[in-house]
Amino acid sequence: MVVSIGPACSEAAADLGLRIDLEANPHKMGILVRVAAEHAPGLIAARLGRVG
């Protein structure tokens, strides 16, 4: 799972070939951590489902 603090970070990651799963909005670290914690189980389950 790849998360981003904001659009500039997401753009830089995309330039490196990374796919961003989540981007914080507003662009603050606390929001990023909360959103990642809330959405991680579903995103990971979806990825595992595609792999298996």
PDB file of N, CA and C in Angstrom:
ATOM      1  N   MET A   1       0.845  -1.162   0.000  1.00  0.00           N
ATOM      2  CA  MET A   1       0.000   0.000   0.000  1.00  0.00           C
ATOM      3  C   MET A   1       0.896   1.232   0.000  1.00  0.00           C
ATOM      4  N   VAL A   2       0.626   2.147  -0.922  1.00  0.00           N
ATOM      5  CA  VAL A   2       1.408   3.372  -1.036  1.00  0.00           C
ATOM      6  C   VAL A   2       0.488   4.548  -0.748  1.00  0.00           C
ATOM      7  N   VAL A   3       0.888   5.384   0.210  1.00  0.00           N
ATOM      8  CA  VAL A   3       0.104   6.562   0.568  1.00  0.00           C
ATOM      9  C   VAL A   3       0.943   7.814   0.330  1.00  0.00           C
ATOM     10  N   SER A   4       0.256   8.921   0.141  1.00  0.00           N
ATOM     11  CA  SER A   4       0.913  10.181  -0.173  1.00  0.00           C
ATOM     12  C   SER A   4       0.357  11.292   0.719  1.00  0.00           C
ATOM     13  N   ILE A   5       1.230  12.205   1.087  1.00  0.00           N
ATOM     14  CA  ILE A   5       0.826  13.332   1.923  1.00  0.00           C
ATOM     15  C   ILE A   5       0.118  14.409   1.099  1.00  0.00           C
ATOM     16  N   GLY A   6       0.328  14.416  -0.223  1.00  0.00           N
ATOM     17  CA  GLY A   6      -0.327  15.433  -1.038  1.00  0.00           C
ATOM     18  C   GLY A   6       0.002  15.296  -2.507  1.00  0.00           C
ATOM     19  N   PRO A   7      -0.526  16.211  -3.320  1.00  0.00           N
ATOM     20  CA  PRO A   7      -0.394  16.112  -4.773  1.00  0.00           C
ATOM     21  C   PRO A   7       1.047  16.121  -5.283  1.00  0.00           C
ATOM     22  N   ALA A   8       1.906  16.924  -4.690  1.00  0.00           N
ATOM     23  CA  ALA A   8       3.302  16.975  -5.154  1.00  0.00           C
ATOM     24  C   ALA A   8       3.986  15.632  -4.917  1.00  0.00           C
ATOM     25  N   CYS A   9       3.734  15.048  -3.768  1.00  0.00           N
ATOM     26  CA  CYS A   9       4.297  13.736  -3.447  1.00  0.00           C
ATOM     27  C   CYS A   9       3.716  12.668  -4.375  1.00  0.00           C
ATOM     28  N   SER A  10       2.428  12.735  -4.628  1.00  0.00           N
ATOM     29  CA  SER A  10       1.783  11.775  -5.529  1.00  0.00           C
ATOM     30  C   SER A  10       2.364  11.874  -6.938  1.00  0.00           C
ATOM     31  N   GLU A  11       2.585  13.093  -7.396  1.00  0.00           N
ATOM     32  CA  GLU A  11       3.145  13.289  -8.732  1.00  0.00           C
ATOM     33  C   GLU A  11       4.569  12.742  -8.819  1.00  0.00           C
ATOM     34  N   ALA A  12       5.368  13.008  -7.791  1.00  0.00           N
ATOM     35  CA  ALA A  12       6.740  12.499  -7.776  1.00  0.00           C
ATOM     36  C   ALA A  12       6.750  10.969  -7.759  1.00  0.00           C
ATOM     37  N   ALA A  13       5.857  10.376  -6.988  1.00  0.00           N
ATOM     38  CA  ALA A  13       5.772   8.918  -6.923  1.00  0.00           C
ATOM     39  C   ALA A  13       5.344   8.346  -8.272  1.00  0.00           C
ATOM     40  N   ALA A  14       4.375   8.981  -8.906  1.00  0.00           N
ATOM     41  CA  ALA A  14       3.908   8.528 -10.224  1.00  0.00           C
ATOM     42  C   ALA A  14       5.040   8.609 -11.253  1.00  0.00           C
ATOM     43  N   ASP A  15       5.867   9.636 -11.155  1.00  0.00           N
ATOM     44  CA  ASP A  15       7.010   9.771 -12.055  1.00  0.00           C
ATOM     45  C   ASP A  15       7.980   8.602 -11.895  1.00  0.00           C
ATOM     46  N   LEU A  16       7.981   7.993 -10.716  1.00  0.00           N
ATOM     47  CA  LEU A  16       8.840   6.839 -10.449  1.00  0.00           C
ATOM     48  C   LEU A  16       8.141   5.514 -10.731  1.00  0.00           C
ATOM     49  N   GLY A  17       6.916   5.600 -11.226  1.00  0.00           N
ATOM     50  CA  GLY A  17       6.183   4.397 -11.579  1.00  0.00           C
ATOM     51  C   GLY A  17       5.377   3.795 -10.442  1.00  0.00           C
ATOM     52  N   LEU A  18       5.213   4.518  -9.353  1.00  0.00           N
ATOM     53  CA  LEU A  18       4.431   4.027  -8.226  1.00  0.00           C
ATOM     54  C   LEU A  18       2.967   4.426  -8.375  1.00  0.00           C
ATOM     55  N   ARG A  19       2.089   3.535  -7.964  1.00  0.00           N
ATOM     56  CA  ARG A  19       0.658   3.832  -7.977  1.00  0.00           C
ATOM     57  C   ARG A  19       0.252   4.203  -6.552  1.00  0.00           C
ATOM     58  N   ILE A  20      -0.334   5.363  -6.378  1.00  0.00           N
ATOM     59  CA  ILE A  20      -0.753   5.842  -5.072  1.00  0.00           C
ATOM     60  C   ILE A  20      -2.126   5.270  -4.743  1.00  0.00           C
ATOM     61  N   ASP A  21      -2.226   4.650  -3.573  1.00  0.00           N
ATOM     62  CA  ASP A  21      -3.503   4.096  -3.126  1.00  0.00           C
ATOM     63  C   ASP A  21      -4.350   5.139  -2.399  1.00  0.00           C
ATOM     64  N   LEU A  22      -3.700   6.013  -1.653  1.00  0.00           N
ATOM     65  CA  LEU A  22      -4.410   7.032  -0.868  1.00  0.00           C
ATOM     66  C   LEU A  22      -3.603   8.317  -0.842  1.00  0.00           C
ATOM     67  N   GLU A  23      -4.320   9.424  -0.841  1.00  0.00           N
ATOM     68  CA  GLU A  23      -3.680  10.725  -0.694  1.00  0.00           C
ATOM     69  C   GLU A  23      -4.416  11.489   0.396  1.00  0.00           C
ATOM     70  N   ALA A  24      -3.653  12.045   1.331  1.00  0.00           N
ATOM     71  CA  ALA A  24      -4.254  12.801   2.427  1.00  0.00           C
ATOM     72  C   ALA A  24      -4.883  14.087   1.905  1.00  0.00           C
ATOM     73  N   ASN A  25      -6.064  14.397   2.435  1.00  0.00           N
ATOM     74  CA  ASN A  25      -6.726  15.655   2.099  1.00  0.00           C
ATOM     75  C   ASN A  25      -7.599  16.050   3.280  1.00  0.00           C
ATOM     76  N   PRO A  26      -7.242  17.061   4.038  1.00  0.00           N
ATOM     77  CA  PRO A  26      -6.151  18.002   3.838  1.00  0.00           C
ATOM     78  C   PRO A  26      -4.791  17.331   4.003  1.00  0.00           C
ATOM     79  N   HIS A  27      -3.777  17.976   3.491  1.00  0.00           N
ATOM     80  CA  HIS A  27      -2.438  17.404   3.383  1.00  0.00           C
ATOM     81  C   HIS A  27      -1.662  17.581   4.686  1.00  0.00           C
ATOM     82  N   LYS A  28      -2.017  16.764   5.660  1.00  0.00           N
ATOM     83  CA  LYS A  28      -1.397  16.809   6.988  1.00  0.00           C
ATOM     84  C   LYS A  28      -1.078  15.382   7.413  1.00  0.00           C
ATOM     85  N   MET A  29      -0.001  15.221   8.168  1.00  0.00           N
ATOM     86  CA  MET A  29       0.458  13.896   8.563  1.00  0.00           C
ATOM     87  C   MET A  29      -0.581  13.145   9.386  1.00  0.00           C
ATOM     88  N   GLY A  30      -1.221  13.799  10.321  1.00  0.00           N
ATOM     89  CA  GLY A  30      -2.231  13.128  11.136  1.00  0.00           C
ATOM     90  C   GLY A  30      -3.376  12.582  10.300  1.00  0.00           C
ATOM     91  N   ILE A  31      -3.795  13.353   9.309  1.00  0.00           N
ATOM     92  CA  ILE A  31      -4.860  12.911   8.400  1.00  0.00           C
ATOM     93  C   ILE A  31      -4.385  11.712   7.594  1.00  0.00           C
ATOM     94  N   LEU A  32      -3.144  11.776   7.108  1.00  0.00           N
ATOM     95  CA  LEU A  32      -2.578  10.669   6.336  1.00  0.00           C
ATOM     96  C   LEU A  32      -2.597   9.369   7.144  1.00  0.00           C
ATOM     97  N   VAL A  33      -2.165   9.440   8.389  1.00  0.00           N
ATOM     98  CA  VAL A  33      -2.134   8.252   9.241  1.00  0.00           C
ATOM     99  C   VAL A  33      -3.545   7.719   9.479  1.00  0.00           C
ATOM    100  N   ARG A  34      -4.478   8.614   9.765  1.00  0.00           N
ATOM    101  CA  ARG A  34      -5.859   8.184  10.031  1.00  0.00           C
ATOM    102  C   ARG A  34      -6.500   7.550   8.800  1.00  0.00           C
ATOM    103  N   VAL A  35      -6.356   8.197   7.655  1.00  0.00           N
ATOM    104  CA  VAL A  35      -6.954   7.678   6.425  1.00  0.00           C
ATOM    105  C   VAL A  35      -6.311   6.336   6.051  1.00  0.00           C
ATOM    106  N   ALA A  36      -5.008   6.228   6.198  1.00  0.00           N
ATOM    107  CA  ALA A  36      -4.330   4.967   5.887  1.00  0.00           C
ATOM    108  C   ALA A  36      -4.830   3.854   6.801  1.00  0.00           C
ATOM    109  N   ALA A  37      -4.967   4.137   8.080  1.00  0.00           N
ATOM    110  CA  ALA A  37      -5.441   3.129   9.024  1.00  0.00           C
ATOM    111  C   ALA A  37      -6.878   2.708   8.717  1.00  0.00           C
ATOM    112  N   GLU A  38      -7.701   3.652   8.324  1.00  0.00           N
ATOM    113  CA  GLU A  38      -9.102   3.346   8.028  1.00  0.00           C
ATOM    114  C   GLU A  38      -9.266   2.522   6.748  1.00  0.00           C
ATOM    115  N   HIS A  39      -8.455   2.813   5.740  1.00  0.00           N
ATOM    116  CA  HIS A  39      -8.647   2.202   4.434  1.00  0.00           C
ATOM    117  C   HIS A  39      -7.722   1.023   4.143  1.00  0.00           C
ATOM    118  N   ALA A  40      -6.689   0.846   4.941  1.00  0.00           N
ATOM    119  CA  ALA A  40      -5.717  -0.218   4.673  1.00  0.00           C
ATOM    120  C   ALA A  40      -6.340  -1.609   4.603  1.00  0.00           C
ATOM    121  N   PRO A  41      -7.190  -2.007   5.542  1.00  0.00           N
ATOM    122  CA  PRO A  41      -7.719  -3.379   5.469  1.00  0.00           C
ATOM    123  C   PRO A  41      -8.438  -3.678   4.151  1.00  0.00           C
ATOM    124  N   GLY A  42      -9.259  -2.765   3.682  1.00  0.00           N
ATOM    125  CA  GLY A  42      -9.981  -2.977   2.432  1.00  0.00           C
ATOM    126  C   GLY A  42      -9.061  -3.002   1.224  1.00  0.00           C
ATOM    127  N   LEU A  43      -8.087  -2.101   1.191  1.00  0.00           N
ATOM    128  CA  LEU A  43      -7.158  -2.059   0.072  1.00  0.00           C
ATOM    129  C   LEU A  43      -6.298  -3.312   0.012  1.00  0.00           C
ATOM    130  N   ILE A  44      -5.835  -3.757   1.168  1.00  0.00           N
ATOM    131  CA  ILE A  44      -5.009  -4.962   1.211  1.00  0.00           C
ATOM    132  C   ILE A  44      -5.830  -6.187   0.829  1.00  0.00           C
ATOM    133  N   ALA A  45      -7.036  -6.275   1.323  1.00  0.00           N
ATOM    134  CA  ALA A  45      -7.905  -7.412   0.981  1.00  0.00           C
ATOM    135  C   ALA A  45      -8.180  -7.441  -0.519  1.00  0.00           C
ATOM    136  N   ALA A  46      -8.409  -6.282  -1.115  1.00  0.00           N
ATOM    137  CA  ALA A  46      -8.671  -6.218  -2.549  1.00  0.00           C
ATOM    138  C   ALA A  46      -7.453  -6.676  -3.347  1.00  0.00           C
ATOM    139  N   ARG A  47      -6.271  -6.270  -2.914  1.00  0.00           N
ATOM    140  CA  ARG A  47      -5.059  -6.689  -3.602  1.00  0.00           C
ATOM    141  C   ARG A  47      -4.829  -8.185  -3.477  1.00  0.00           C
ATOM    142  N   LEU A  48      -5.029  -8.709  -2.288  1.00  0.00           N
ATOM    143  CA  LEU A  48      -4.844 -10.148  -2.079  1.00  0.00           C
ATOM    144  C   LEU A  48      -5.848 -10.946  -2.882  1.00  0.00           C
ATOM    145  N   GLY A  49      -7.051 -10.421  -3.019  1.00  0.00           N
ATOM    146  CA  GLY A  49      -8.074 -11.092  -3.801  1.00  0.00           C
ATOM    147  C   GLY A  49      -7.706 -11.169  -5.271  1.00  0.00           C
ATOM    148  N   ARG A  50      -7.036 -10.130  -5.768  1.00  0.00           N
ATOM    149  CA  ARG A  50      -6.631 -10.119  -7.172  1.00  0.00           C
ATOM    150  C   ARG A  50      -5.461 -11.058  -7.412  1.00  0.00           C
ATOM    151  N   VAL A  51      -4.587 -11.179  -6.404  1.00  0.00           N
ATOM    152  CA  VAL A  51      -3.409 -12.015  -6.558  1.00  0.00           C
ATOM    153  C   VAL A  51      -3.781 -13.485  -6.517  1.00  0.00           C
ATOM    154  N   GLY A  52      -4.714 -13.843  -5.612  1.00  0.00           N
ATOM    155  CA  GLY A  52      -5.030 -15.255  -5.382  1.00  0.00           C
ATOM    156  C   GLY A  52      -5.950 -15.872  -6.322  1.00  0.00           C
TER     157      GLY A  52
END
